[in-house]
C-alpha atoms as a PDB file:
ATOM      1  CA  MET A   1      67.787 239.433  59.311  1.00  0.00           C
ATOM      2  CA  LYS A   2      65.111 237.807  61.463  1.00  0.00           C
ATOM      3  CA  GLU A   3      64.932 234.956  58.962  1.00  0.00           C
ATOM      4  CA  ASN A   4      68.715 234.528  59.102  1.00  0.00           C
ATOM      5  CA  LEU A   5      68.504 234.072  62.865  1.00  0.00           C
ATOM      6  CA  SER A   6      65.955 231.271  62.568  1.00  0.00           C
ATOM      7  CA  LEU A   7      66.995 227.832  63.803  1.00  0.00           C
ATOM      8  CA  ASN A   8      63.868 226.081  62.514  1.00  0.00           C
ATOM      9  CA  ASP A   9      64.371 222.295  62.172  1.00  0.00           C
ATOM     10  CA  LYS A  10      67.928 222.505  63.507  1.00  0.00           C
ATOM     11  CA  VAL A  11      68.993 220.085  66.251  1.00  0.00           C
ATOM     12  CA  ALA A  12      71.297 221.573  68.869  1.00  0.00           C
ATOM     13  CA  ILE A  13      73.185 219.834  71.670  1.00  0.00           C
ATOM     14  CA  VAL A  14      74.166 222.225  74.461  1.00  0.00           C
ATOM     15  CA  THR A  15      76.297 220.947  77.331  1.00  0.00           C
ATOM     16  CA  GLY A  16      76.267 222.413  80.818  1.00  0.00           C
ATOM     17  CA  ALA A  17      72.712 223.468  80.010  1.00  0.00           C
ATOM     18  CA  SER A  18      70.900 222.949  83.311  1.00  0.00           C
ATOM     19  CA  LYS A  19      71.773 226.457  84.529  1.00  0.00           C
ATOM     20  CA  GLY A  20      73.681 229.635  83.751  1.00  0.00           C
ATOM     21  CA  ILE A  21      74.931 230.323  80.244  1.00  0.00           C
ATOM     22  CA  GLY A  22      73.932 226.901  78.914  1.00  0.00           C
ATOM     23  CA  GLU A  23      70.354 227.247  80.126  1.00  0.00           C
ATOM     24  CA  ALA A  24      70.075 230.716  78.586  1.00  0.00           C
ATOM     25  CA  ILE A  25      71.327 229.290  75.276  1.00  0.00           C
ATOM     26  CA  VAL A  26      68.878 226.381  75.081  1.00  0.00           C
ATOM     27  CA  ARG A  27      65.964 228.645  75.945  1.00  0.00           C
ATOM     28  CA  LEU A  28      66.919 231.165  73.253  1.00  0.00           C
ATOM     29  CA  TYR A  29      67.601 228.457  70.658  1.00  0.00           C
ATOM     30  CA  ALA A  30      64.218 226.853  71.335  1.00  0.00           C
ATOM     31  CA  ALA A  31      62.517 230.234  71.026  1.00  0.00           C
ATOM     32  CA  HIS A  32      64.086 230.536  67.572  1.00  0.00           C
ATOM     33  CA  GLY A  33      62.818 227.153  66.422  1.00  0.00           C
ATOM     34  CA  ALA A  34      65.605 224.724  67.317  1.00  0.00           C
ATOM     35  CA  LYS A  35      65.056 221.257  68.712  1.00  0.00           C
ATOM     36  CA  VAL A  36      67.327 221.420  71.731  1.00  0.00           C
ATOM     37  CA  VAL A  37      69.095 218.687  73.652  1.00  0.00           C
ATOM     38  CA  VAL A  38      69.610 219.917  77.185  1.00  0.00           C
ATOM     39  CA  SER A  39      72.659 218.152  78.591  1.00  0.00           C
ATOM     40  CA  SER A  40      74.391 218.237  81.953  1.00  0.00           C
ATOM     41  CA  ARG A  41      75.551 215.773  84.594  1.00  0.00           C
ATOM     42  CA  LYS A  42      72.213 215.165  86.345  1.00  0.00           C
ATOM     43  CA  GLN A  43      69.150 213.810  84.541  1.00  0.00           C
ATOM     44  CA  VAL A  44      66.708 215.430  86.944  1.00  0.00           C
ATOM     45  CA  ALA A  45      68.216 218.863  86.257  1.00  0.00           C
ATOM     46  CA  VAL A  46      68.137 218.592  82.452  1.00  0.00           C
ATOM     47  CA  ASP A  47      64.625 217.146  82.542  1.00  0.00           C
ATOM     48  CA  ALA A  48      63.413 220.172  84.490  1.00  0.00           C
ATOM     49  CA  VAL A  49      64.824 222.627  81.936  1.00  0.00           C
ATOM     50  CA  ALA A  50      63.551 220.591  78.982  1.00  0.00           C
ATOM     51  CA  GLU A  51      60.060 220.374  80.492  1.00  0.00           C
ATOM     52  CA  SER A  52      60.024 224.125  81.082  1.00  0.00           C
ATOM     53  CA  ILE A  53      60.943 224.727  77.440  1.00  0.00           C
ATOM     54  CA  ARG A  54      58.203 222.388  76.230  1.00  0.00           C
ATOM     55  CA  GLN A  55      55.656 224.153  78.428  1.00  0.00           C
ATOM     56  CA  SER A  56      56.675 227.403  76.737  1.00  0.00           C
ATOM     57  CA  GLY A  57      55.992 225.897  73.317  1.00  0.00           C
ATOM     58  CA  GLY A  58      59.502 224.826  72.406  1.00  0.00           C
ATOM     59  CA  GLU A  59      60.896 221.402  71.571  1.00  0.00           C
ATOM     60  CA  ALA A  60      63.443 219.901  73.936  1.00  0.00           C
ATOM     61  CA  ILE A  61      64.699 216.703  75.520  1.00  0.00           C
ATOM     62  CA  GLY A  62      67.118 216.220  78.399  1.00  0.00           C
ATOM     63  CA  ILE A  63      70.039 213.797  78.180  1.00  0.00           C
ATOM     64  CA  GLU A  64      72.417 213.314  81.087  1.00  0.00           C
ATOM     65  CA  ALA A  65      76.110 213.357  80.165  1.00  0.00           C
ATOM     66  CA  HIS A  66      79.448 213.892  81.904  1.00  0.00           C
ATOM     67  CA  MET A  67      81.884 215.728  79.611  1.00  0.00           C
ATOM     68  CA  GLY A  68      84.871 214.149  81.321  1.00  0.00           C
ATOM     69  CA  LYS A  69      83.713 210.629  80.474  1.00  0.00           C
ATOM     70  CA  MET A  70      84.031 209.657  76.837  1.00  0.00           C
ATOM     71  CA  ASP A  71      81.508 206.802  76.984  1.00  0.00           C
ATOM     72  CA  SER A  72      78.953 209.229  78.429  1.00  0.00           C
ATOM     73  CA  ILE A  73      79.533 211.603  75.515  1.00  0.00           C
ATOM     74  CA  LYS A  74      79.000 208.781  73.020  1.00  0.00           C
ATOM     75  CA  THR A  75      75.702 207.941  74.719  1.00  0.00           C
ATOM     76  CA  LEU A  76      74.675 211.598  74.428  1.00  0.00           C
ATOM     77  CA  VAL A  77      75.289 211.575  70.673  1.00  0.00           C
ATOM     78  CA  ASP A  78      73.674 208.172  70.151  1.00  0.00           C
ATOM     79  CA  LYS A  79      70.513 209.162  72.035  1.00  0.00           C
ATOM     80  CA  THR A  80      70.294 212.456  70.162  1.00  0.00           C
ATOM     81  CA  LEU A  81      70.528 210.700  66.801  1.00  0.00           C
ATOM     82  CA  GLU A  82      68.032 208.082  67.917  1.00  0.00           C
ATOM     83  CA  HIS A  83      65.518 210.766  68.931  1.00  0.00           C
ATOM     84  CA  TYR A  84      66.049 213.457  66.285  1.00  0.00           C
ATOM     85  CA  GLY A  85      68.007 211.716  63.519  1.00  0.00           C
ATOM     86  CA  ARG A  86      70.541 214.487  63.023  1.00  0.00           C
ATOM     87  CA  ILE A  87      72.829 217.004  64.733  1.00  0.00           C
ATOM     88  CA  ASP A  88      73.277 220.525  63.371  1.00  0.00           C
ATOM     89  CA  ILE A  89      74.692 222.548  66.239  1.00  0.00           C
ATOM     90  CA  ILE A  90      77.065 221.738  69.086  1.00  0.00           C
ATOM     91  CA  VAL A  91      77.641 224.161  71.955  1.00  0.00           C
ATOM     92  CA  ASN A  92      80.504 222.960  74.127  1.00  0.00           C
ATOM     93  CA  ASN A  93      79.605 225.001  77.186  1.00  0.00           C
ATOM     94  CA  ALA A  94      80.275 222.625  80.103  1.00  0.00           C
ATOM     95  CA  ALA A  95      83.475 223.348  82.005  1.00  0.00           C
ATOM     96  CA  THR A  96      85.138 222.702  85.319  1.00  0.00           C
ATOM     97  CA  ASN A  97      87.690 224.400  87.541  1.00  0.00           C
ATOM     98  CA  PRO A  98      88.246 222.504  90.797  1.00  0.00           C
ATOM     99  CA  VAL A  99      91.173 224.664  91.920  1.00  0.00           C
ATOM    100  CA  PHE A 100      91.692 228.363  92.531  1.00  0.00           C
ATOM    101  CA  GLY A 101      95.068 229.769  93.439  1.00  0.00           C
ATOM    102  CA  ALA A 102      98.715 229.609  92.391  1.00  0.00           C
ATOM    103  CA  VAL A 103      99.331 227.323  89.428  1.00  0.00           C
ATOM    104  CA  GLU A 104     101.803 225.163  91.355  1.00  0.00           C
ATOM    105  CA  ASN A 105      99.002 224.137  93.693  1.00  0.00           C
ATOM    106  CA  CYS A 106      97.184 222.303  90.900  1.00  0.00           C
ATOM    107  CA  ASN A 107      97.850 218.598  91.351  1.00  0.00           C
ATOM    108  CA  GLU A 108      97.829 215.948  88.638  1.00  0.00           C
ATOM    109  CA  SER A 109      94.280 214.841  89.348  1.00  0.00           C
ATOM    110  CA  ALA A 110      92.886 218.363  89.089  1.00  0.00           C
ATOM    111  CA  PHE A 111      94.950 219.025  85.944  1.00  0.00           C
ATOM    112  CA  ASP A 112      93.567 215.913  84.247  1.00  0.00           C
ATOM    113  CA  LYS A 113      90.005 216.733  85.253  1.00  0.00           C
ATOM    114  CA  ILE A 114      90.244 220.259  83.842  1.00  0.00           C
ATOM    115  CA  MET A 115      91.734 219.055  80.556  1.00  0.00           C
ATOM    116  CA  ASP A 116      89.318 216.141  80.193  1.00  0.00           C
ATOM    117  CA  VAL A 117      86.192 218.257  80.613  1.00  0.00           C
ATOM    118  CA  ASN A 118      87.327 221.550  79.088  1.00  0.00           C
ATOM    119  CA  VAL A 119      89.244 220.238  76.077  1.00  0.00           C
ATOM    120  CA  LYS A 120      89.118 216.481  75.465  1.00  0.00           C
ATOM    121  CA  GLY A 121      85.357 216.203  76.021  1.00  0.00           C
ATOM    122  CA  CYS A 122      84.702 219.114  73.652  1.00  0.00           C
ATOM    123  CA  PHE A 123      86.788 217.448  70.961  1.00  0.00           C
ATOM    124  CA  GLU A 124      85.089 214.097  71.469  1.00  0.00           C
ATOM    125  CA  LEU A 125      81.569 215.527  71.232  1.00  0.00           C
ATOM    126  CA  ALA A 126      82.352 217.484  68.072  1.00  0.00           C
ATOM    127  CA  LYS A 127      84.117 214.487  66.521  1.00  0.00           C
ATOM    128  CA  LEU A 128      81.174 212.176  67.214  1.00  0.00           C
ATOM    129  CA  ALA A 129      78.739 214.715  65.751  1.00  0.00           C
ATOM    130  CA  LEU A 130      80.895 215.171  62.655  1.00  0.00           C
ATOM    131  CA  PRO A 131      79.418 212.315  60.546  1.00  0.00           C
ATOM    132  CA  SER A 132      75.907 213.733  60.932  1.00  0.00           C
ATOM    133  CA  MET A 133      77.097 217.232  60.039  1.00  0.00           C
ATOM    134  CA  LYS A 134      78.963 215.882  57.007  1.00  0.00           C
ATOM    135  CA  ALA A 135      75.803 214.115  55.844  1.00  0.00           C
ATOM    136  CA  ASN A 136      73.837 217.357  56.293  1.00  0.00           C
ATOM    137  CA  LYS A 137      76.600 219.293  54.497  1.00  0.00           C
ATOM    138  CA  SER A 138      76.435 221.914  57.232  1.00  0.00           C
ATOM    139  CA  GLY A 139      77.028 222.411  60.917  1.00  0.00           C
ATOM    140  CA  SER A 140      78.006 224.925  63.557  1.00  0.00           C
ATOM    141  CA  ILE A 141      80.290 224.153  66.493  1.00  0.00           C
ATOM    142  CA  ILE A 142      80.516 226.762  69.226  1.00  0.00           C
ATOM    143  CA  ASN A 143      83.205 226.258  71.850  1.00  0.00           C
ATOM    144  CA  MET A 144      82.848 228.279  75.039  1.00  0.00           C
ATOM    145  CA  SER A 145      86.343 229.464  75.874  1.00  0.00           C
ATOM    146  CA  SER A 146      87.074 232.402  78.190  1.00  0.00           C
ATOM    147  CA  ILE A 147      89.005 235.645  78.311  1.00  0.00           C
ATOM    148  CA  GLY A 148      91.299 233.536  80.490  1.00  0.00           C
ATOM    149  CA  GLY A 149      92.180 231.655  77.307  1.00  0.00           C
ATOM    150  CA  LEU A 150      93.489 234.898  75.801  1.00  0.00           C
ATOM    151  CA  LYS A 151      95.057 236.447  78.892  1.00  0.00           C
ATOM    152  CA  PRO A 152      95.921 234.404  81.992  1.00  0.00           C
ATOM    153  CA  GLU A 153      93.893 235.401  85.023  1.00  0.00           C
ATOM    154  CA  PRO A 154      95.230 235.234  88.606  1.00  0.00           C
ATOM    155  CA  GLY A 155      94.164 232.067  90.384  1.00  0.00           C
ATOM    156  CA  LEU A 156      92.896 230.428  87.198  1.00  0.00           C
ATOM    157  CA  GLY A 157      96.148 229.113  85.756  1.00  0.00           C
ATOM    158  CA  ILE A 158      95.363 225.658  84.376  1.00  0.00           C
ATOM    159  CA  TYR A 159      91.780 226.672  83.613  1.00  0.00           C
ATOM    160  CA  SER A 160      93.273 229.442  81.438  1.00  0.00           C
ATOM    161  CA  VAL A 161      95.556 226.884  79.776  1.00  0.00           C
ATOM    162  CA  SER A 162      92.582 224.661  78.968  1.00  0.00           C
ATOM    163  CA  LYS A 163      90.616 227.558  77.498  1.00  0.00           C
ATOM    164  CA  ALA A 164      93.590 228.609  75.371  1.00  0.00           C
ATOM    165  CA  ALA A 165      93.774 225.044  74.074  1.00  0.00           C
ATOM    166  CA  LEU A 166      90.068 225.202  73.255  1.00  0.00           C
ATOM    167  CA  VAL A 167      90.648 228.330  71.152  1.00  0.00           C
ATOM    168  CA  MET A 168      93.273 226.507  69.101  1.00  0.00           C
ATOM    169  CA  LEU A 169      91.077 223.404  68.837  1.00  0.00           C
ATOM    170  CA  THR A 170      88.357 225.653  67.427  1.00  0.00           C
ATOM    171  CA  LYS A 171      90.725 226.981  64.775  1.00  0.00           C
ATOM    172  CA  VAL A 172      91.833 223.457  63.853  1.00  0.00           C
ATOM    173  CA  MET A 173      88.197 222.342  63.452  1.00  0.00           C
ATOM    174  CA  ALA A 174      87.449 225.383  61.307  1.00  0.00           C
ATOM    175  CA  LYS A 175      90.484 224.750  59.102  1.00  0.00           C
ATOM    176  CA  GLU A 176      89.923 221.027  58.601  1.00  0.00           C
ATOM    177  CA  TRP A 177      86.130 220.803  58.499  1.00  0.00           C
ATOM    178  CA  GLY A 178      85.290 223.941  56.537  1.00  0.00           C
ATOM    179  CA  ARG A 179      85.270 221.985  53.272  1.00  0.00           C
ATOM    180  CA  HIS A 180      82.168 220.190  54.591  1.00  0.00           C
ATOM    181  CA  ASN A 181      80.469 223.550  55.282  1.00  0.00           C
ATOM    182  CA  ILE A 182      80.987 222.961  58.993  1.00  0.00           C
ATOM    183  CA  ARG A 183      81.875 226.079  60.933  1.00  0.00           C
ATOM    184  CA  ALA A 184      83.644 226.324  64.292  1.00  0.00           C
ATOM    185  CA  ASN A 185      83.866 229.453  66.412  1.00  0.00           C
ATOM    186  CA  ALA A 186      84.884 230.245  69.976  1.00  0.00           C
ATOM    187  CA  ILE A 187      83.246 232.596  72.454  1.00  0.00           C
ATOM    188  CA  CYS A 188      85.373 234.107  75.214  1.00  0.00           C
ATOM    189  CA  PRO A 189      83.097 235.444  77.955  1.00  0.00           C
ATOM    190  CA  GLY A 190      84.350 237.817  80.594  1.00  0.00           C
ATOM    191  CA  LEU A 191      83.048 237.705  84.131  1.00  0.00           C
ATOM    192  CA  ILE A 192      79.454 236.504  83.788  1.00  0.00           C
ATOM    193  CA  LYS A 193      77.148 236.438  86.777  1.00  0.00           C
ATOM    194  CA  THR A 194      76.511 232.705  87.096  1.00  0.00           C
ATOM    195  CA  LYS A 195      76.806 230.117  89.840  1.00  0.00           C
ATOM    196  CA  PHE A 196      79.961 228.754  88.150  1.00  0.00           C
ATOM    197  CA  SER A 197      81.746 232.098  88.590  1.00  0.00           C
ATOM    198  CA  GLN A 198      80.163 232.945  91.937  1.00  0.00           C
ATOM    199  CA  ALA A 199      83.443 232.641  93.833  1.00  0.00           C
ATOM    200  CA  LEU A 200      84.839 235.403  91.603  1.00  0.00           C
ATOM    201  CA  TRP A 201      82.059 237.986  91.443  1.00  0.00           C
ATOM    202  CA  GLN A 202      81.289 237.585  95.153  1.00  0.00           C
ATOM    203  CA  ASN A 203      84.959 238.197  95.965  1.00  0.00           C
ATOM    204  CA  GLU A 204      85.188 241.953  96.538  1.00  0.00           C
ATOM    205  CA  GLN A 205      88.845 242.198  95.488  1.00  0.00           C
ATOM    206  CA  VAL A 206      88.309 240.248  92.254  1.00  0.00           C
ATOM    207  CA  SER A 207      85.071 242.043  91.461  1.00  0.00           C
ATOM    208  CA  ASP A 208      86.682 245.460  91.991  1.00  0.00           C
ATOM    209  CA  HIS A 209      89.559 244.464  89.686  1.00  0.00           C
ATOM    210  CA  PHE A 210      87.103 243.616  86.915  1.00  0.00           C
ATOM    211  CA  MET A 211      84.857 246.635  87.413  1.00  0.00           C
ATOM    212  CA  LYS A 212      87.776 249.075  87.285  1.00  0.00           C
ATOM    213  CA  ASN A 213      88.703 247.708  83.857  1.00  0.00           C
ATOM    214  CA  LEU A 214      85.236 247.474  82.296  1.00  0.00           C
ATOM    215  CA  PRO A 215      84.288 250.099  79.688  1.00  0.00           C
ATOM    216  CA  ILE A 216      80.758 248.694  79.969  1.00  0.00           C
ATOM    217  CA  ALA A 217      80.482 249.040  83.703  1.00  0.00           C
ATOM    218  CA  ARG A 218      78.511 245.944  84.648  1.00  0.00           C
ATOM    219  CA  LEU A 219      78.958 242.213  84.938  1.00  0.00           C
ATOM    220  CA  GLY A 220      77.792 240.128  82.010  1.00  0.00           C
ATOM    221  CA  THR A 221      74.648 237.992  82.054  1.00  0.00           C
ATOM    222  CA  PRO A 222      74.004 234.540  80.605  1.00  0.00           C
ATOM    223  CA  GLU A 223      71.643 236.180  78.124  1.00  0.00           C
ATOM    224  CA  ASP A 224      74.510 238.332  76.781  1.00  0.00           C
ATOM    225  CA  ILE A 225      76.373 235.161  75.824  1.00  0.00           C
ATOM    226  CA  ALA A 226      73.244 233.406  74.555  1.00  0.00           C
ATOM    227  CA  ARG A 227      72.579 236.155  71.999  1.00  0.00           C
ATOM    228  CA  LEU A 228      76.097 235.832  70.583  1.00  0.00           C
ATOM    229  CA  SER A 229      75.665 232.054  70.530  1.00  0.00           C
ATOM    230  CA  LEU A 230      72.458 232.442  68.514  1.00  0.00           C
ATOM    231  CA  PHE A 231      74.286 234.518  65.918  1.00  0.00           C
ATOM    232  CA  LEU A 232      77.030 231.902  65.595  1.00  0.00           C
ATOM    233  CA  ALA A 233      74.556 229.008  65.365  1.00  0.00           C
ATOM    234  CA  SER A 234      72.427 230.671  62.699  1.00  0.00           C
ATOM    235  CA  ASP A 235      72.836 231.509  59.029  1.00  0.00           C
ATOM    236  CA  ALA A 236      73.472 235.110  60.051  1.00  0.00           C
ATOM    237  CA  SER A 237      77.090 234.027  60.615  1.00  0.00           C
ATOM    238  CA  SER A 238      77.346 231.720  57.595  1.00  0.00           C
ATOM    239  CA  TYR A 239      80.736 233.181  56.555  1.00  0.00           C
ATOM    240  CA  SER A 240      82.229 233.186  60.053  1.00  0.00           C
ATOM    241  CA  THR A 241      84.513 230.325  61.034  1.00  0.00           C
ATOM    242  CA  GLY A 242      87.650 230.063  63.110  1.00  0.00           C
ATOM    243  CA  GLY A 243      86.574 233.236  64.897  1.00  0.00           C
ATOM    244  CA  VAL A 244      87.316 234.096  68.503  1.00  0.00           C
ATOM    245  CA  PHE A 245      84.552 236.362  69.792  1.00  0.00           C
ATOM    246  CA  THR A 246      84.979 238.154  73.101  1.00  0.00           C
ATOM    247  CA  SER A 247      81.947 239.146  75.144  1.00  0.00           C
ATOM    248  CA  ASP A 248      83.593 240.771  78.132  1.00  0.00           C
ATOM    249  CA  GLY A 249      82.282 244.333  78.396  1.00  0.00           C
ATOM    250  CA  GLY A 250      85.587 245.525  76.918  1.00  0.00           C
ATOM    251  CA  PHE A 251      87.759 244.079  79.703  1.00  0.00           C
ATOM    252  CA  LEU A 252      90.555 243.107  77.300  1.00  0.00           C
ATOM    253  CA  VAL A 253      90.621 246.449  75.500  1.00  0.00           C
END
């Protein structure tokens, strides 16, 4: 089983990787032998994480990219191929949610931003990595959805819509690209203690709502999601595609 979890010689691009879930993923992937591309919006932030990984004996580079800008995503793929020559794993982890509240309060600009980053950017990155994965005759795409993509959460209306769309995009990728031995799976985290979700877990009313409905009575950690991501990136999950994996402490049960 340990051998099946090895990512030796695999090249992984992880977006939103300068902190939180993404950072936990790149650190775990590197520890299991992957060459990781740490990507986020600020070069100084991804460089810091990549340097820390290298100091720990792993292999990593940082490449700045904005998942709402398609030319930035192309640059991310081009630089990865220039440096490593291949792409084996994509983790679409970056996301945005500029609004919190009733769905009717989401204006057109916020709607477009959410959809561009949370759905369109994920599709574009996977599509641009596809030729390399086809040439390798293998690949794993992991799309970070949310329990909000399975059950709408109060105050997170359009974010939930975008994450539901990402679940279906994952299934489409799995269906169409499986013949190339390319797998696509979605992870739906619950409330994870990160800076991104800070407004939720620091809100006493929201936090109490979650805790009352958690069979595993604690908030999730980035490392909880990273371990599931390792399974889906590795050969341990070689027959899993089109899957929607919840990691929510049982919130949806």
